[in-house]
Amino acid sequence: MSGRRYRVLHRTVYVYSDAVTSSYGRAYLTPREYPGQRLLSHEVQVDPVPSDRSVGSDVYGNTTLYFHVTAEHERLEVTGVSVIDVEPPPPPPPALPWEQARPGIGNGPLAVEFTLDLNPPEIIPEVAAYAAESFPPGRPLPDAVAELTTRINTDFTYESGSTNVSTRVADVFAARTGVCQDFARLGIACLRSQGLAARYVSGYLATDPPPGKERLVGVDATHAWAAVWLPGDGGADGRWLGFDPTNDQFADERYVTVAWGRDYADVPPLRGIIYTDAKESTITVSVDVAPIEV
C-alpha cells in the first residue's frame, strides 16, 4: 500500500426562519498533523464574514476555530477546504497480549485518561460482558480488537437517523441500531471496560466508487471511528491503532483524521450559540473527499 492525497471539502449550511442577530461558533474542521498524516493546505470560509475569529488548540492538540458573526442573517455557511497526504499505518505487533496494552504510570501515562469512563457512565455490565467475550486471557490485542470490531459490525444494524448525538451507549446496545458515531462509542466503552485506553476519532473516509462508475460529489459524510493505545517499543509514548466497527476494518490510508478526544462531545465538527426569534431551522451538510494524483 502507498500513501494517498486528498482534497476534502466540508460544507455546512444553516437556514433560519427569522433573522439571527448574533452567532457564535466553534469548529473542528482542521485535519491533524502527525506521523502518517500531513496537512498541505487548509482554510475555513464563513459567510457572512465574522466580525471576530481566532484559531487555537484544545487540550488534546486539536485545532479549533472560533468565530462570531454579528451581521444579521438568515443563512450561515461554513466551508472547510483541506489538502492532506495520508500514509498507511504500520502494522500492530501481532503477538502483544492485550493485558500488556493496559497503560499505567510507567507505561503510557498520558493514555491513562482514555481508560476512564464518562459521566454519566457508559460502561454498563452488559457492555463489559459483551466485550469480555473477545478478550480471553493472553489473547493478542490485534486479534481481540479485530474480533470485537467484526462482532459489532455483525450484531448491530447501521440505520441513519436512528440515533442523535446525545444517544447513550446503553440505548444503542439495547436497540442494536445506530450510526458510525454510536458504533465507535460502543467500541470505546468495550475497550475501557477491559482497562484499555481508547479514544474517539472524528474525520473522513474516502469512499471508492464501484468499478466502471464515476465518483459522486458531495455524498461522502463525516465519519467516526475509534483507536486503541499500544505500548511503544521503548516505553512511555506508544501509538494508537484505529479500528472502524461500521466498516469492520482497521483504519488505513483512506481515513483522514481531523480530531480526537475521549468522546464525540469533545470534537463535534461544529457547535455554537445563536440569538434569534426563529422558530425553525434546517442544517445541510455535504462532504466530498476527492483523491488527487500525486
Protein backbone atom coordinates (compact mmCIF):
# COMPACT_ATOMS: atom_id res chain seq x y z
CA MET A 1 0.00 0.00 0.00
CA SER A 2 1.14 3.52 -0.69
CA GLY A 3 0.08 6.91 0.58
CA ARG A 4 -2.75 8.96 -0.84
CA ARG A 5 -3.50 12.66 -1.27
CA TYR A 6 -7.00 14.04 -0.84
CA ARG A 7 -8.85 17.30 -1.24
CA VAL A 8 -11.61 17.48 1.36
CA LEU A 9 -14.49 19.94 1.07
CA HIS A 10 -16.81 20.08 4.09
CA ARG A 11 -19.75 22.49 3.76
CA THR A 12 -22.39 23.15 6.42
CA VAL A 13 -25.35 25.44 5.74
CA TYR A 14 -27.80 26.65 8.41
CA VAL A 15 -31.06 28.29 7.31
CA TYR A 16 -33.31 30.04 9.86
CA SER A 17 -36.95 31.08 9.65
CA ASP A 18 -36.15 34.50 11.10
CA ALA A 19 -33.16 36.78 11.42
CA VAL A 20 -30.21 35.78 13.59
CA THR A 21 -28.64 38.83 15.20
CA SER A 22 -25.55 37.13 16.63
CA SER A 23 -23.92 33.75 16.05
CA TYR A 24 -21.02 32.25 17.98
CA GLY A 25 -19.40 29.14 16.51
CA ARG A 26 -16.63 26.67 17.30
CA ALA A 27 -15.40 24.37 14.54
CA TYR A 28 -13.23 21.28 14.42
CA LEU A 29 -12.53 21.25 10.69
CA THR A 30 -8.72 21.33 10.52
CA PRO A 31 -7.16 17.90 9.87
CA ARG A 32 -4.41 16.96 12.30
CA GLU A 33 -0.73 16.58 11.51
CA TYR A 34 1.12 13.61 12.96
CA PRO A 35 3.40 10.81 11.70
CA GLY A 36 1.45 9.34 8.79
CA GLN A 37 -0.69 12.39 8.01
CA ARG A 38 0.48 15.73 6.62
CA LEU A 39 -1.70 18.81 6.11
CA LEU A 40 -0.65 20.59 2.91
CA SER A 41 -3.23 23.40 2.88
CA HIS A 42 -6.35 24.38 4.77
CA GLU A 43 -8.85 27.20 5.01
CA VAL A 44 -12.28 27.75 6.55
CA GLN A 45 -14.66 30.28 5.00
CA VAL A 46 -17.61 31.65 6.96
CA ASP A 47 -20.46 33.56 5.28
CA PRO A 48 -21.48 36.13 6.48
CA VAL A 49 -17.93 37.19 7.28
CA PRO A 50 -17.34 37.06 11.06
CA SER A 51 -16.54 40.25 12.92
CA ASP A 52 -14.13 38.20 15.03
CA ARG A 53 -12.37 34.87 14.53
CA SER A 54 -9.41 33.10 16.11
CA VAL A 55 -7.64 29.76 15.90
CA GLY A 56 -6.39 27.81 18.91
CA SER A 57 -5.70 24.32 20.23
CA ASP A 58 -7.66 22.29 22.75
CA VAL A 59 -6.26 20.08 25.50
CA TYR A 60 -5.77 17.17 23.05
CA GLY A 61 -3.88 19.25 20.50
CA ASN A 62 -6.78 19.55 18.06
CA THR A 63 -7.04 22.79 16.09
CA THR A 64 -10.24 24.74 16.74
CA LEU A 65 -11.70 27.79 15.04
CA TYR A 66 -13.81 30.27 16.99
CA PHE A 67 -15.94 32.83 15.15
CA HIS A 68 -18.56 35.48 15.91
CA VAL A 69 -20.94 36.73 13.22
CA THR A 70 -22.63 40.00 14.15
CA ALA A 71 -24.18 40.82 10.78
CA GLU A 72 -27.90 39.98 10.78
CA HIS A 73 -28.51 36.85 8.73
CA GLU A 74 -30.99 34.09 7.97
CA ARG A 75 -28.38 31.81 6.39
CA LEU A 76 -24.96 30.79 7.71
CA GLU A 77 -22.46 28.81 5.66
CA VAL A 78 -19.22 27.31 6.98
CA THR A 79 -16.91 25.65 4.46
CA GLY A 80 -13.63 23.92 5.18
CA VAL A 81 -11.25 23.01 2.35
CA SER A 82 -8.15 20.90 3.02
CA VAL A 83 -5.47 19.04 1.10
CA ILE A 84 -3.94 16.12 3.03
CA ASP A 85 -1.39 13.37 2.50
CA VAL A 86 -2.15 10.12 4.35
CA GLU A 87 0.24 7.20 4.67
CA PRO A 88 -0.75 3.63 5.57
CA PRO A 89 -0.14 2.99 9.28
CA PRO A 90 2.46 0.44 10.39
CA PRO A 91 1.06 -2.97 11.33
CA PRO A 92 0.41 -3.62 15.01
CA PRO A 93 2.64 -6.03 16.94
CA PRO A 94 0.93 -9.36 16.21
CA ALA A 95 1.77 -11.19 19.43
CA LEU A 96 1.18 -8.48 22.04
CA PRO A 97 -1.12 -9.91 24.77
CA TRP A 98 -3.95 -7.47 25.32
CA GLU A 99 -3.31 -7.26 29.09
CA GLN A 100 0.11 -5.74 28.33
CA ALA A 101 -1.58 -2.86 26.49
CA ARG A 102 -3.17 -1.51 29.66
CA PRO A 103 -1.48 1.84 30.29
CA GLY A 104 -0.04 2.82 33.65
CA ILE A 105 2.13 5.41 35.34
CA GLY A 106 5.34 3.96 33.93
CA ASN A 107 3.98 2.98 30.54
CA GLY A 108 1.67 5.31 28.66
CA PRO A 109 0.83 7.77 31.46
CA LEU A 110 -0.85 10.16 29.03
CA ALA A 111 -3.09 7.34 27.80
CA VAL A 112 -4.48 6.58 31.27
CA GLU A 113 -7.12 9.31 30.88
CA PHE A 114 -8.58 7.36 27.96
CA THR A 115 -9.26 4.33 30.16
CA LEU A 116 -11.72 6.28 32.32
CA ASP A 117 -15.48 6.03 31.92
CA LEU A 118 -17.59 9.06 31.02
CA ASN A 119 -20.04 10.92 33.23
CA PRO A 120 -22.76 9.71 33.16
CA PRO A 121 -21.21 6.23 32.87
CA GLU A 122 -21.26 4.32 29.59
CA ILE A 123 -19.69 1.07 30.82
CA ILE A 124 -22.77 -0.85 31.89
CA PRO A 125 -22.47 -4.52 32.94
CA GLU A 126 -23.97 -5.70 29.64
CA VAL A 127 -21.30 -3.84 27.64
CA ALA A 128 -18.50 -5.22 29.83
CA ALA A 129 -19.79 -8.77 29.42
CA TYR A 130 -20.13 -8.29 25.65
CA ALA A 131 -16.52 -7.07 25.43
CA ALA A 132 -15.12 -9.83 27.63
CA GLU A 133 -16.05 -12.46 25.03
CA SER A 134 -13.33 -11.08 22.73
CA PHE A 135 -10.69 -10.68 25.43
CA PRO A 136 -9.82 -14.07 26.95
CA PRO A 137 -6.55 -14.14 28.93
CA GLY A 138 -3.38 -13.84 26.86
CA ARG A 139 -5.05 -13.22 23.51
CA PRO A 140 -3.05 -10.95 21.16
CA LEU A 141 -4.50 -7.44 21.21
CA PRO A 142 -4.88 -7.09 17.39
CA ASP A 143 -6.86 -10.34 17.27
CA ALA A 144 -9.11 -9.30 20.13
CA VAL A 145 -9.81 -5.86 18.66
CA ALA A 146 -10.42 -7.32 15.20
CA GLU A 147 -12.94 -9.80 16.58
CA LEU A 148 -14.73 -7.11 18.62
CA THR A 149 -14.88 -4.90 15.52
CA THR A 150 -16.43 -7.73 13.49
CA ARG A 151 -18.93 -8.59 16.22
CA ILE A 152 -20.18 -5.00 16.48
CA ASN A 153 -20.45 -4.83 12.70
CA THR A 154 -22.42 -8.11 12.64
CA ASP A 155 -24.60 -7.66 15.71
CA PHE A 156 -25.63 -4.04 15.13
CA THR A 157 -27.50 -2.52 12.17
CA TYR A 158 -26.47 0.76 10.58
CA GLU A 159 -29.61 2.88 10.40
CA SER A 160 -29.32 6.57 9.54
CA GLY A 161 -31.47 8.75 11.79
CA SER A 162 -31.98 6.05 14.41
CA THR A 163 -29.96 7.99 17.00
CA ASN A 164 -28.71 11.51 17.73
CA VAL A 165 -25.55 12.94 19.25
CA SER A 166 -26.93 12.58 22.78
CA THR A 167 -27.94 8.90 22.48
CA ARG A 168 -26.33 6.82 25.22
CA VAL A 169 -24.29 3.68 24.57
CA ALA A 170 -26.76 1.70 26.70
CA ASP A 171 -29.60 2.71 24.36
CA VAL A 172 -27.59 1.74 21.28
CA PHE A 173 -26.72 -1.60 22.89
CA ALA A 174 -30.37 -2.30 23.67
CA ALA A 175 -31.72 -1.22 20.26
CA ARG A 176 -28.91 -2.87 18.26
CA THR A 177 -29.03 0.04 15.78
CA GLY A 178 -27.05 3.22 15.26
CA VAL A 179 -24.60 5.09 13.05
CA CYS A 180 -20.82 5.35 12.90
CA GLN A 181 -20.56 7.62 15.96
CA ASP A 182 -22.58 5.14 18.02
CA PHE A 183 -20.54 2.12 16.96
CA ALA A 184 -17.28 3.95 17.67
CA ARG A 185 -18.52 4.93 21.13
CA LEU A 186 -19.66 1.36 21.80
CA GLY A 187 -16.24 0.02 20.81
CA ILE A 188 -14.59 2.56 23.10
CA ALA A 189 -16.79 1.58 26.05
CA CYS A 190 -15.97 -2.09 25.42
CA LEU A 191 -12.21 -1.47 25.46
CA ARG A 192 -12.36 0.73 28.53
CA SER A 193 -14.32 -1.97 30.34
CA GLN A 194 -11.20 -4.15 29.95
CA GLY A 195 -8.83 -1.48 31.26
CA LEU A 196 -7.60 -0.48 27.80
CA ALA A 197 -7.19 3.10 26.58
CA ALA A 198 -9.49 4.04 23.71
CA ARG A 199 -10.21 7.35 22.05
CA TYR A 200 -12.88 8.73 19.73
CA VAL A 201 -11.66 9.85 16.30
CA SER A 202 -13.52 12.26 14.03
CA GLY A 203 -12.68 12.67 10.36
CA TYR A 204 -13.45 11.48 6.87
CA LEU A 205 -13.40 8.22 4.96
CA ALA A 206 -12.60 8.24 1.26
CA THR A 207 -15.12 6.04 -0.50
CA ASP A 208 -14.06 4.41 -3.74
CA PRO A 209 -16.75 4.13 -6.46
CA PRO A 210 -17.78 0.76 -7.90
CA PRO A 211 -15.82 -0.40 -10.97
CA GLY A 212 -16.89 1.49 -14.08
CA LYS A 213 -18.72 4.20 -12.14
CA GLU A 214 -17.62 7.80 -11.65
CA ARG A 215 -17.26 9.37 -8.22
CA LEU A 216 -20.29 11.24 -6.93
CA VAL A 217 -19.57 14.66 -5.46
CA GLY A 218 -20.94 15.58 -2.05
CA VAL A 219 -22.19 12.16 -0.98
CA ASP A 220 -19.37 11.45 1.43
CA ALA A 221 -20.01 12.31 5.07
CA THR A 222 -18.07 12.95 8.21
CA HIS A 223 -17.01 9.68 9.75
CA ALA A 224 -16.12 8.43 13.21
CA TRP A 225 -14.06 5.51 14.40
CA ALA A 226 -12.08 4.52 17.48
CA ALA A 227 -8.44 3.88 18.35
CA VAL A 228 -6.80 1.70 21.00
CA TRP A 229 -3.47 2.57 22.62
CA LEU A 230 -0.45 0.34 22.01
CA PRO A 231 2.67 0.48 24.18
CA GLY A 232 5.81 1.62 22.40
CA ASP A 233 8.93 -0.45 21.90
CA GLY A 234 10.94 1.83 24.12
CA GLY A 235 8.48 2.79 26.81
CA ALA A 236 6.05 5.51 27.58
CA ASP A 237 4.83 7.08 24.34
CA GLY A 238 3.32 4.21 22.38
CA ARG A 239 0.95 4.72 19.49
CA TRP A 240 -2.69 4.28 18.59
CA LEU A 241 -4.35 1.67 16.38
CA GLY A 242 -7.51 2.87 14.64
CA PHE A 243 -10.43 0.50 14.11
CA ASP A 244 -13.80 1.06 12.46
CA PRO A 245 -16.74 -1.12 13.57
CA THR A 246 -19.02 0.49 10.97
CA ASN A 247 -16.95 -0.99 8.14
CA ASP A 248 -15.36 -3.93 10.01
CA GLN A 249 -11.75 -2.96 9.40
CA PHE A 250 -8.69 -1.28 10.86
CA ALA A 251 -8.11 2.32 9.78
CA ASP A 252 -5.80 2.67 6.78
CA GLU A 253 -4.73 5.35 4.29
CA ARG A 254 -8.37 6.02 3.32
CA TYR A 255 -9.02 7.57 6.75
CA VAL A 256 -8.41 11.31 7.21
CA THR A 257 -8.17 12.28 10.88
CA VAL A 258 -9.50 15.69 11.91
CA ALA A 259 -9.64 15.48 15.72
CA TRP A 260 -9.65 13.08 18.64
CA GLY A 261 -10.86 13.11 22.21
CA ARG A 262 -12.48 10.97 24.87
CA ASP A 263 -15.94 11.21 23.25
CA TYR A 264 -17.93 12.81 20.45
CA ALA A 265 -18.74 15.75 22.73
CA ASP A 266 -15.04 16.70 22.74
CA VAL A 267 -14.75 17.12 18.97
CA PRO A 268 -18.03 17.89 17.14
CA PRO A 269 -17.40 19.40 13.68
CA LEU A 270 -19.49 22.47 14.57
CA ARG A 271 -21.27 23.77 17.63
CA GLY A 272 -22.45 27.21 18.61
CA ILE A 273 -24.94 29.61 20.12
CA ILE A 274 -27.29 31.90 18.21
CA TYR A 275 -29.53 34.80 19.22
CA THR A 276 -32.78 34.79 17.25
CA ASP A 277 -36.57 34.66 17.40
CA ALA A 278 -36.62 32.00 14.69
CA LYS A 279 -38.87 29.04 15.47
CA GLU A 280 -37.44 26.76 12.81
CA SER A 281 -34.07 25.98 11.29
CA THR A 282 -32.53 23.48 8.92
CA ILE A 283 -28.98 22.20 8.57
CA THR A 284 -27.46 20.74 5.41
CA VAL A 285 -24.05 19.07 5.44
CA SER A 286 -22.12 17.89 2.41
CA VAL A 287 -18.64 16.37 2.36
CA ASP A 288 -16.52 15.48 -0.64
CA VAL A 289 -13.27 13.54 -0.26
CA ALA A 290 -11.59 13.64 -3.67
CA PRO A 291 -8.34 11.76 -4.39
CA ILE A 292 -5.60 13.80 -6.05
CA GLU A 293 -2.98 12.25 -8.29
CA VAL A 294 0.49 12.88 -6.89
